[in-house]
Amino acid sequence: MFSPRIHDLAEKIQLNGFRWVEDGPTLREIVREVDREVKLRAPLLATRRELAYQILDILDTLYGWDAPRMDETQERAFYKAIVGWEIK
């Protein structure tokens, strides 16, 4: 479903535990990689952003990312912010 690069990055977060400061750059890299993969098939900005957000949500569930002191709503808001910063 996802490229091996995306899985490698996602596993890196899982292996090291989820920390916003340390793993934020990895999440940003995942979003950039996803955007590279979907850009030609989905050229609309809103669609690319929504796909990237959905993929982060799937990876969060698949790899069990959990941030200390943040609930699911806060995590999802952070994912949306990262997607907005990276996909322009």
PDB file of N, CA and C in Angstrom:
ATOM      1  N   MET A   1       0.824  -1.194   0.000  1.00  0.00           N
ATOM      2  CA  MET A   1       0.000   0.000   0.000  1.00  0.00           C
ATOM      3  C   MET A   1       0.869   1.259   0.000  1.00  0.00           C
ATOM      4  N   PHE A   2       1.904   1.275   0.824  1.00  0.00           N
ATOM      5  CA  PHE A   2       2.816   2.416   0.888  1.00  0.00           C
ATOM      6  C   PHE A   2       4.193   1.971   0.429  1.00  0.00           C
ATOM      7  N   SER A   3       4.980   2.926   0.011  1.00  0.00           N
ATOM      8  CA  SER A   3       6.329   2.604  -0.431  1.00  0.00           C
ATOM      9  C   SER A   3       7.159   2.073   0.743  1.00  0.00           C
ATOM     10  N   PRO A   4       8.184   1.303   0.434  1.00  0.00           N
ATOM     11  CA  PRO A   4       9.069   0.817   1.503  1.00  0.00           C
ATOM     12  C   PRO A   4       9.679   1.969   2.300  1.00  0.00           C
ATOM     13  N   ARG A   5       9.945   3.081   1.662  1.00  0.00           N
ATOM     14  CA  ARG A   5      10.519   4.249   2.351  1.00  0.00           C
ATOM     15  C   ARG A   5       9.570   4.764   3.439  1.00  0.00           C
ATOM     16  N   ILE A   6       8.293   4.831   3.121  1.00  0.00           N
ATOM     17  CA  ILE A   6       7.311   5.303   4.100  1.00  0.00           C
ATOM     18  C   ILE A   6       7.246   4.331   5.276  1.00  0.00           C
ATOM     19  N   HIS A   7       7.231   3.044   4.983  1.00  0.00           N
ATOM     20  CA  HIS A   7       7.215   2.055   6.070  1.00  0.00           C
ATOM     21  C   HIS A   7       8.476   2.136   6.923  1.00  0.00           C
ATOM     22  N   ASP A   8       9.624   2.336   6.283  1.00  0.00           N
ATOM     23  CA  ASP A   8      10.880   2.466   7.039  1.00  0.00           C
ATOM     24  C   ASP A   8      10.821   3.652   7.996  1.00  0.00           C
ATOM     25  N   LEU A   9      10.326   4.767   7.505  1.00  0.00           N
ATOM     26  CA  LEU A   9      10.203   5.952   8.356  1.00  0.00           C
ATOM     27  C   LEU A   9       9.208   5.714   9.488  1.00  0.00           C
ATOM     28  N   ALA A  10       8.076   5.094   9.163  1.00  0.00           N
ATOM     29  CA  ALA A  10       7.054   4.825  10.182  1.00  0.00           C
ATOM     30  C   ALA A  10       7.576   3.874  11.250  1.00  0.00           C
ATOM     31  N   GLU A  11       8.316   2.865  10.854  1.00  0.00           N
ATOM     32  CA  GLU A  11       8.898   1.922  11.818  1.00  0.00           C
ATOM     33  C   GLU A  11       9.923   2.599  12.712  1.00  0.00           C
ATOM     34  N   LYS A  12      10.632   3.552  12.173  1.00  0.00           N
ATOM     35  CA  LYS A  12      11.613   4.293  12.972  1.00  0.00           C
ATOM     36  C   LYS A  12      10.925   4.973  14.152  1.00  0.00           C
ATOM     37  N   ILE A  13       9.771   5.530  13.910  1.00  0.00           N
ATOM     38  CA  ILE A  13       9.015   6.167  14.994  1.00  0.00           C
ATOM     39  C   ILE A  13       8.585   5.114  16.001  1.00  0.00           C
ATOM     40  N   GLN A  14       8.085   3.993  15.516  1.00  0.00           N
ATOM     41  CA  GLN A  14       7.606   2.951  16.406  1.00  0.00           C
ATOM     42  C   GLN A  14       8.740   2.412  17.278  1.00  0.00           C
ATOM     43  N   LEU A  15       9.888   2.171  16.707  1.00  0.00           N
ATOM     44  CA  LEU A  15      10.997   1.579  17.441  1.00  0.00           C
ATOM     45  C   LEU A  15      11.541   2.506  18.519  1.00  0.00           C
ATOM     46  N   ASN A  16      11.533   3.768  18.243  1.00  0.00           N
ATOM     47  CA  ASN A  16      12.101   4.725  19.188  1.00  0.00           C
ATOM     48  C   ASN A  16      11.080   5.319  20.147  1.00  0.00           C
ATOM     49  N   GLY A  17       9.832   4.962  20.001  1.00  0.00           N
ATOM     50  CA  GLY A  17       8.783   5.582  20.824  1.00  0.00           C
ATOM     51  C   GLY A  17       8.414   6.931  20.227  1.00  0.00           C
ATOM     52  N   PHE A  18       7.203   7.369  20.432  1.00  0.00           N
ATOM     53  CA  PHE A  18       6.737   8.588  19.797  1.00  0.00           C
ATOM     54  C   PHE A  18       7.007   9.794  20.681  1.00  0.00           C
ATOM     55  N   ARG A  19       7.861  10.661  20.179  1.00  0.00           N
ATOM     56  CA  ARG A  19       8.169  11.920  20.858  1.00  0.00           C
ATOM     57  C   ARG A  19       8.020  13.030  19.821  1.00  0.00           C
ATOM     58  N   TRP A  20       7.233  14.046  20.165  1.00  0.00           N
ATOM     59  CA  TRP A  20       6.915  15.079  19.182  1.00  0.00           C
ATOM     60  C   TRP A  20       8.150  15.793  18.658  1.00  0.00           C
ATOM     61  N   VAL A  21       9.047  16.178  19.539  1.00  0.00           N
ATOM     62  CA  VAL A  21      10.216  16.942  19.093  1.00  0.00           C
ATOM     63  C   VAL A  21      11.127  16.069  18.234  1.00  0.00           C
ATOM     64  N   GLU A  22      11.416  14.863  18.706  1.00  0.00           N
ATOM     65  CA  GLU A  22      12.330  13.995  17.981  1.00  0.00           C
ATOM     66  C   GLU A  22      11.712  13.419  16.711  1.00  0.00           C
ATOM     67  N   ASP A  23      10.419  13.110  16.743  1.00  0.00           N
ATOM     68  CA  ASP A  23       9.782  12.447  15.614  1.00  0.00           C
ATOM     69  C   ASP A  23       9.054  13.392  14.670  1.00  0.00           C
ATOM     70  N   GLY A  24       8.918  14.653  15.042  1.00  0.00           N
ATOM     71  CA  GLY A  24       8.291  15.621  14.142  1.00  0.00           C
ATOM     72  C   GLY A  24       8.962  15.684  12.779  1.00  0.00           C
ATOM     73  N   PRO A  25      10.301  15.752  12.726  1.00  0.00           N
ATOM     74  CA  PRO A  25      10.956  15.765  11.416  1.00  0.00           C
ATOM     75  C   PRO A  25      10.691  14.499  10.597  1.00  0.00           C
ATOM     76  N   THR A  26      10.570  13.359  11.273  1.00  0.00           N
ATOM     77  CA  THR A  26      10.268  12.113  10.561  1.00  0.00           C
ATOM     78  C   THR A  26       8.851  12.159  10.002  1.00  0.00           C
ATOM     79  N   LEU A  27       7.910  12.680  10.777  1.00  0.00           N
ATOM     80  CA  LEU A  27       6.538  12.833  10.267  1.00  0.00           C
ATOM     81  C   LEU A  27       6.522  13.760   9.058  1.00  0.00           C
ATOM     82  N   ARG A  28       7.284  14.833   9.131  1.00  0.00           N
ATOM     83  CA  ARG A  28       7.344  15.763   7.993  1.00  0.00           C
ATOM     84  C   ARG A  28       7.925  15.070   6.766  1.00  0.00           C
ATOM     85  N   GLU A  29       8.918  14.227   6.979  1.00  0.00           N
ATOM     86  CA  GLU A  29       9.518  13.489   5.864  1.00  0.00           C
ATOM     87  C   GLU A  29       8.512  12.498   5.268  1.00  0.00           C
ATOM     88  N   ILE A  30       7.727  11.850   6.119  1.00  0.00           N
ATOM     89  CA  ILE A  30       6.680  10.951   5.626  1.00  0.00           C
ATOM     90  C   ILE A  30       5.696  11.729   4.760  1.00  0.00           C
ATOM     91  N   VAL A  31       5.273  12.894   5.221  1.00  0.00           N
ATOM     92  CA  VAL A  31       4.311  13.702   4.457  1.00  0.00           C
ATOM     93  C   VAL A  31       4.908  14.103   3.108  1.00  0.00           C
ATOM     94  N   ARG A  32       6.155  14.497   3.095  1.00  0.00           N
ATOM     95  CA  ARG A  32       6.795  14.868   1.817  1.00  0.00           C
ATOM     96  C   ARG A  32       6.878  13.666   0.877  1.00  0.00           C
ATOM     97  N   GLU A  33       7.193  12.507   1.410  1.00  0.00           N
ATOM     98  CA  GLU A  33       7.281  11.281   0.602  1.00  0.00           C
ATOM     99  C   GLU A  33       5.902  10.916   0.039  1.00  0.00           C
ATOM    100  N   VAL A  34       4.887  10.995   0.852  1.00  0.00           N
ATOM    101  CA  VAL A  34       3.520  10.723   0.393  1.00  0.00           C
ATOM    102  C   VAL A  34       3.151  11.704  -0.716  1.00  0.00           C
ATOM    103  N   ASP A  35       3.457  12.964  -0.520  1.00  0.00           N
ATOM    104  CA  ASP A  35       3.121  13.969  -1.527  1.00  0.00           C
ATOM    105  C   ASP A  35       3.829  13.678  -2.850  1.00  0.00           C
ATOM    106  N   ARG A  36       5.080  13.272  -2.787  1.00  0.00           N
ATOM    107  CA  ARG A  36       5.791  12.917  -4.023  1.00  0.00           C
ATOM    108  C   ARG A  36       5.094  11.771  -4.750  1.00  0.00           C
ATOM    109  N   GLU A  37       4.585  10.810  -3.977  1.00  0.00           N
ATOM    110  CA  GLU A  37       3.937   9.651  -4.585  1.00  0.00           C
ATOM    111  C   GLU A  37       2.576   9.972  -5.199  1.00  0.00           C
ATOM    112  N   VAL A  38       1.828  10.896  -4.616  1.00  0.00           N
ATOM    113  CA  VAL A  38       0.459  11.150  -5.089  1.00  0.00           C
ATOM    114  C   VAL A  38       0.324  12.387  -5.968  1.00  0.00           C
ATOM    115  N   LYS A  39       1.349  13.193  -6.034  1.00  0.00           N
ATOM    116  CA  LYS A  39       1.261  14.488  -6.725  1.00  0.00           C
ATOM    117  C   LYS A  39       0.797  14.377  -8.178  1.00  0.00           C
ATOM    118  N   LEU A  40       1.311  13.424  -8.917  1.00  0.00           N
ATOM    119  CA  LEU A  40       0.936  13.306 -10.323  1.00  0.00           C
ATOM    120  C   LEU A  40      -0.474  12.751 -10.503  1.00  0.00           C
ATOM    121  N   ARG A  41      -0.909  11.903  -9.582  1.00  0.00           N
ATOM    122  CA  ARG A  41      -2.245  11.307  -9.702  1.00  0.00           C
ATOM    123  C   ARG A  41      -3.327  12.189  -9.088  1.00  0.00           C
ATOM    124  N   ALA A  42      -2.931  13.027  -8.145  1.00  0.00           N
ATOM    125  CA  ALA A  42      -3.898  13.900  -7.469  1.00  0.00           C
ATOM    126  C   ALA A  42      -3.308  15.306  -7.387  1.00  0.00           C
ATOM    127  N   PRO A  43      -3.410  16.073  -8.473  1.00  0.00           N
ATOM    128  CA  PRO A  43      -2.754  17.385  -8.498  1.00  0.00           C
ATOM    129  C   PRO A  43      -3.401  18.462  -7.632  1.00  0.00           C
ATOM    130  N   LEU A  44      -4.649  18.284  -7.227  1.00  0.00           N
ATOM    131  CA  LEU A  44      -5.310  19.312  -6.418  1.00  0.00           C
ATOM    132  C   LEU A  44      -4.730  19.353  -5.014  1.00  0.00           C
ATOM    133  N   LEU A  45      -4.415  20.538  -4.555  1.00  0.00           N
ATOM    134  CA  LEU A  45      -3.798  20.726  -3.238  1.00  0.00           C
ATOM    135  C   LEU A  45      -4.639  20.120  -2.114  1.00  0.00           C
ATOM    136  N   ALA A  46      -5.917  20.393  -2.109  1.00  0.00           N
ATOM    137  CA  ALA A  46      -6.788  19.882  -1.035  1.00  0.00           C
ATOM    138  C   ALA A  46      -6.810  18.353  -1.023  1.00  0.00           C
ATOM    139  N   THR A  47      -6.813  17.746  -2.176  1.00  0.00           N
ATOM    140  CA  THR A  47      -6.815  16.283  -2.263  1.00  0.00           C
ATOM    141  C   THR A  47      -5.506  15.713  -1.754  1.00  0.00           C
ATOM    142  N   ARG A  48      -4.392  16.318  -2.152  1.00  0.00           N
ATOM    143  CA  ARG A  48      -3.079  15.852  -1.693  1.00  0.00           C
ATOM    144  C   ARG A  48      -2.969  15.965  -0.181  1.00  0.00           C
ATOM    145  N   ARG A  49      -3.456  17.059   0.376  1.00  0.00           N
ATOM    146  CA  ARG A  49      -3.413  17.239   1.831  1.00  0.00           C
ATOM    147  C   ARG A  49      -4.276  16.199   2.537  1.00  0.00           C
ATOM    148  N   GLU A  50      -5.462  15.968   2.020  1.00  0.00           N
ATOM    149  CA  GLU A  50      -6.365  14.995   2.652  1.00  0.00           C
ATOM    150  C   GLU A  50      -5.770  13.591   2.583  1.00  0.00           C
ATOM    151  N   LEU A  51      -5.183  13.229   1.450  1.00  0.00           N
ATOM    152  CA  LEU A  51      -4.551  11.912   1.330  1.00  0.00           C
ATOM    153  C   LEU A  51      -3.390  11.769   2.313  1.00  0.00           C
ATOM    154  N   ALA A  52      -2.571  12.785   2.431  1.00  0.00           N
ATOM    155  CA  ALA A  52      -1.440  12.730   3.363  1.00  0.00           C
ATOM    156  C   ALA A  52      -1.926  12.592   4.795  1.00  0.00           C
ATOM    157  N   TYR A  53      -2.969  13.339   5.151  1.00  0.00           N
ATOM    158  CA  TYR A  53      -3.527  13.237   6.499  1.00  0.00           C
ATOM    159  C   TYR A  53      -4.071  11.833   6.751  1.00  0.00           C
ATOM    160  N   GLN A  54      -4.813  11.296   5.795  1.00  0.00           N
ATOM    161  CA  GLN A  54      -5.372   9.956   5.954  1.00  0.00           C
ATOM    162  C   GLN A  54      -4.265   8.910   6.111  1.00  0.00           C
ATOM    163  N   ILE A  55      -3.189   9.076   5.371  1.00  0.00           N
ATOM    164  CA  ILE A  55      -2.086   8.126   5.467  1.00  0.00           C
ATOM    165  C   ILE A  55      -1.422   8.222   6.831  1.00  0.00           C
ATOM    166  N   LEU A  56      -1.228   9.431   7.354  1.00  0.00           N
ATOM    167  CA  LEU A  56      -0.685   9.554   8.710  1.00  0.00           C
ATOM    168  C   LEU A  56      -1.612   8.882   9.718  1.00  0.00           C
ATOM    169  N   ASP A  57      -2.908   9.052   9.541  1.00  0.00           N
ATOM    170  CA  ASP A  57      -3.871   8.430  10.440  1.00  0.00           C
ATOM    171  C   ASP A  57      -3.769   6.904  10.371  1.00  0.00           C
ATOM    172  N   ILE A  58      -3.650   6.358   9.175  1.00  0.00           N
ATOM    173  CA  ILE A  58      -3.507   4.905   9.004  1.00  0.00           C
ATOM    174  C   ILE A  58      -2.205   4.417   9.638  1.00  0.00           C
ATOM    175  N   LEU A  59      -1.118   5.131   9.379  1.00  0.00           N
ATOM    176  CA  LEU A  59       0.170   4.732   9.953  1.00  0.00           C
ATOM    177  C   LEU A  59       0.145   4.814  11.477  1.00  0.00           C
ATOM    178  N   ASP A  60      -0.525   5.833  12.003  1.00  0.00           N
ATOM    179  CA  ASP A  60      -0.669   5.966  13.457  1.00  0.00           C
ATOM    180  C   ASP A  60      -1.325   4.717  14.039  1.00  0.00           C
ATOM    181  N   THR A  61      -2.382   4.268  13.392  1.00  0.00           N
ATOM    182  CA  THR A  61      -3.094   3.074  13.855  1.00  0.00           C
ATOM    183  C   THR A  61      -2.256   1.813  13.636  1.00  0.00           C
ATOM    184  N   LEU A  62      -1.663   1.698  12.467  1.00  0.00           N
ATOM    185  CA  LEU A  62      -0.878   0.512  12.107  1.00  0.00           C
ATOM    186  C   LEU A  62       0.333   0.319  13.015  1.00  0.00           C
ATOM    187  N   TYR A  63       1.031   1.404  13.312  1.00  0.00           N
ATOM    188  CA  TYR A  63       2.267   1.304  14.092  1.00  0.00           C
ATOM    189  C   TYR A  63       2.086   1.661  15.565  1.00  0.00           C
ATOM    190  N   GLY A  64       0.880   2.022  15.959  1.00  0.00           N
ATOM    191  CA  GLY A  64       0.613   2.292  17.362  1.00  0.00           C
ATOM    192  C   GLY A  64       1.324   3.499  17.921  1.00  0.00           C
ATOM    193  N   TRP A  65       1.424   4.548  17.116  1.00  0.00           N
ATOM    194  CA  TRP A  65       2.057   5.768  17.612  1.00  0.00           C
ATOM    195  C   TRP A  65       1.176   6.372  18.701  1.00  0.00           C
ATOM    196  N   ASP A  66       1.752   6.707  19.802  1.00  0.00           N
ATOM    197  CA  ASP A  66       1.031   7.412  20.865  1.00  0.00           C
ATOM    198  C   ASP A  66       1.975   8.426  21.484  1.00  0.00           C
ATOM    199  N   ALA A  67       1.504   9.635  21.591  1.00  0.00           N
ATOM    200  CA  ALA A  67       2.320  10.697  22.177  1.00  0.00           C
ATOM    201  C   ALA A  67       1.922  10.867  23.638  1.00  0.00           C
ATOM    202  N   PRO A  68       2.898  10.862  24.516  1.00  0.00           N
ATOM    203  CA  PRO A  68       2.574  11.104  25.923  1.00  0.00           C
ATOM    204  C   PRO A  68       1.916  12.482  26.092  1.00  0.00           C
ATOM    205  N   ARG A  69       0.979  12.550  26.990  1.00  0.00           N
ATOM    206  CA  ARG A  69       0.302  13.798  27.357  1.00  0.00           C
ATOM    207  C   ARG A  69      -0.556  14.381  26.242  1.00  0.00           C
ATOM    208  N   MET A  70      -0.851  13.593  25.205  1.00  0.00           N
ATOM    209  CA  MET A  70      -1.737  14.079  24.144  1.00  0.00           C
ATOM    210  C   MET A  70      -2.799  13.025  23.876  1.00  0.00           C
ATOM    211  N   ASP A  71      -4.020  13.484  23.693  1.00  0.00           N
ATOM    212  CA  ASP A  71      -5.065  12.533  23.334  1.00  0.00           C
ATOM    213  C   ASP A  71      -5.142  12.435  21.806  1.00  0.00           C
ATOM    214  N   GLU A  72      -6.011  11.568  21.338  1.00  0.00           N
ATOM    215  CA  GLU A  72      -6.125  11.333  19.895  1.00  0.00           C
ATOM    216  C   GLU A  72      -6.505  12.594  19.122  1.00  0.00           C
ATOM    217  N   THR A  73      -7.371  13.410  19.693  1.00  0.00           N
ATOM    218  CA  THR A  73      -7.789  14.640  19.022  1.00  0.00           C
ATOM    219  C   THR A  73      -6.602  15.574  18.829  1.00  0.00           C
ATOM    220  N   GLN A  74      -5.772  15.708  19.848  1.00  0.00           N
ATOM    221  CA  GLN A  74      -4.589  16.568  19.752  1.00  0.00           C
ATOM    222  C   GLN A  74      -3.582  16.004  18.743  1.00  0.00           C
ATOM    223  N   GLU A  75      -3.397  14.688  18.750  1.00  0.00           N
ATOM    224  CA  GLU A  75      -2.492  14.074  17.771  1.00  0.00           C
ATOM    225  C   GLU A  75      -2.967  14.355  16.354  1.00  0.00           C
ATOM    226  N   ARG A  76      -4.262  14.164  16.114  1.00  0.00           N
ATOM    227  CA  ARG A  76      -4.798  14.370  14.760  1.00  0.00           C
ATOM    228  C   ARG A  76      -4.668  15.842  14.336  1.00  0.00           C
ATOM    229  N   ALA A  77      -4.855  16.751  15.269  1.00  0.00           N
ATOM    230  CA  ALA A  77      -4.691  18.173  14.955  1.00  0.00           C
ATOM    231  C   ALA A  77      -3.237  18.463  14.579  1.00  0.00           C
ATOM    232  N   PHE A  78      -2.305  17.829  15.277  1.00  0.00           N
ATOM    233  CA  PHE A  78      -0.891  18.007  14.949  1.00  0.00           C
ATOM    234  C   PHE A  78      -0.587  17.456  13.559  1.00  0.00           C
ATOM    235  N   TYR A  79      -1.161  16.296  13.221  1.00  0.00           N
ATOM    236  CA  TYR A  79      -0.964  15.733  11.878  1.00  0.00           C
ATOM    237  C   TYR A  79      -1.475  16.700  10.808  1.00  0.00           C
ATOM    238  N   LYS A  80      -2.655  17.266  11.043  1.00  0.00           N
ATOM    239  CA  LYS A  80      -3.200  18.223  10.060  1.00  0.00           C
ATOM    240  C   LYS A  80      -2.294  19.434   9.914  1.00  0.00           C
ATOM    241  N   ALA A  81      -1.727  19.904  11.022  1.00  0.00           N
ATOM    242  CA  ALA A  81      -0.815  21.040  10.962  1.00  0.00           C
ATOM    243  C   ALA A  81       0.432  20.690  10.160  1.00  0.00           C
ATOM    244  N   ILE A  82       1.009  19.542  10.407  1.00  0.00           N
ATOM    245  CA  ILE A  82       2.206  19.120   9.667  1.00  0.00           C
ATOM    246  C   ILE A  82       1.897  19.028   8.181  1.00  0.00           C
ATOM    247  N   VAL A  83       0.778  18.442   7.850  1.00  0.00           N
ATOM    248  CA  VAL A  83       0.401  18.328   6.429  1.00  0.00           C
ATOM    249  C   VAL A  83       0.271  19.723   5.819  1.00  0.00           C
ATOM    250  N   GLY A  84      -0.352  20.643   6.536  1.00  0.00           N
ATOM    251  CA  GLY A  84      -0.504  22.008   6.024  1.00  0.00           C
ATOM    252  C   GLY A  84       0.819  22.723   5.835  1.00  0.00           C
ATOM    253  N   TRP A  85       1.777  22.458   6.717  1.00  0.00           N
ATOM    254  CA  TRP A  85       3.097  23.086   6.599  1.00  0.00           C
ATOM    255  C   TRP A  85       3.890  22.524   5.427  1.00  0.00           C
ATOM    256  N   GLU A  86       3.726  21.233   5.182  1.00  0.00           N
ATOM    257  CA  GLU A  86       4.573  20.564   4.180  1.00  0.00           C
ATOM    258  C   GLU A  86       4.025  20.574   2.778  1.00  0.00           C
ATOM    259  N   ILE A  87       2.718  20.509   2.620  1.00  0.00           N
ATOM    260  CA  ILE A  87       2.135  20.420   1.295  1.00  0.00           C
ATOM    261  C   ILE A  87       1.540  21.769   0.926  1.00  0.00           C
ATOM    262  N   LYS A  88       2.205  22.432  -0.012  1.00  0.00           N
ATOM    263  CA  LYS A  88       1.804  23.772  -0.439  1.00  0.00           C
ATOM    264  C   LYS A  88       1.672  23.858  -1.930  1.00  0.00           C
TER     265      LYS A  88
END
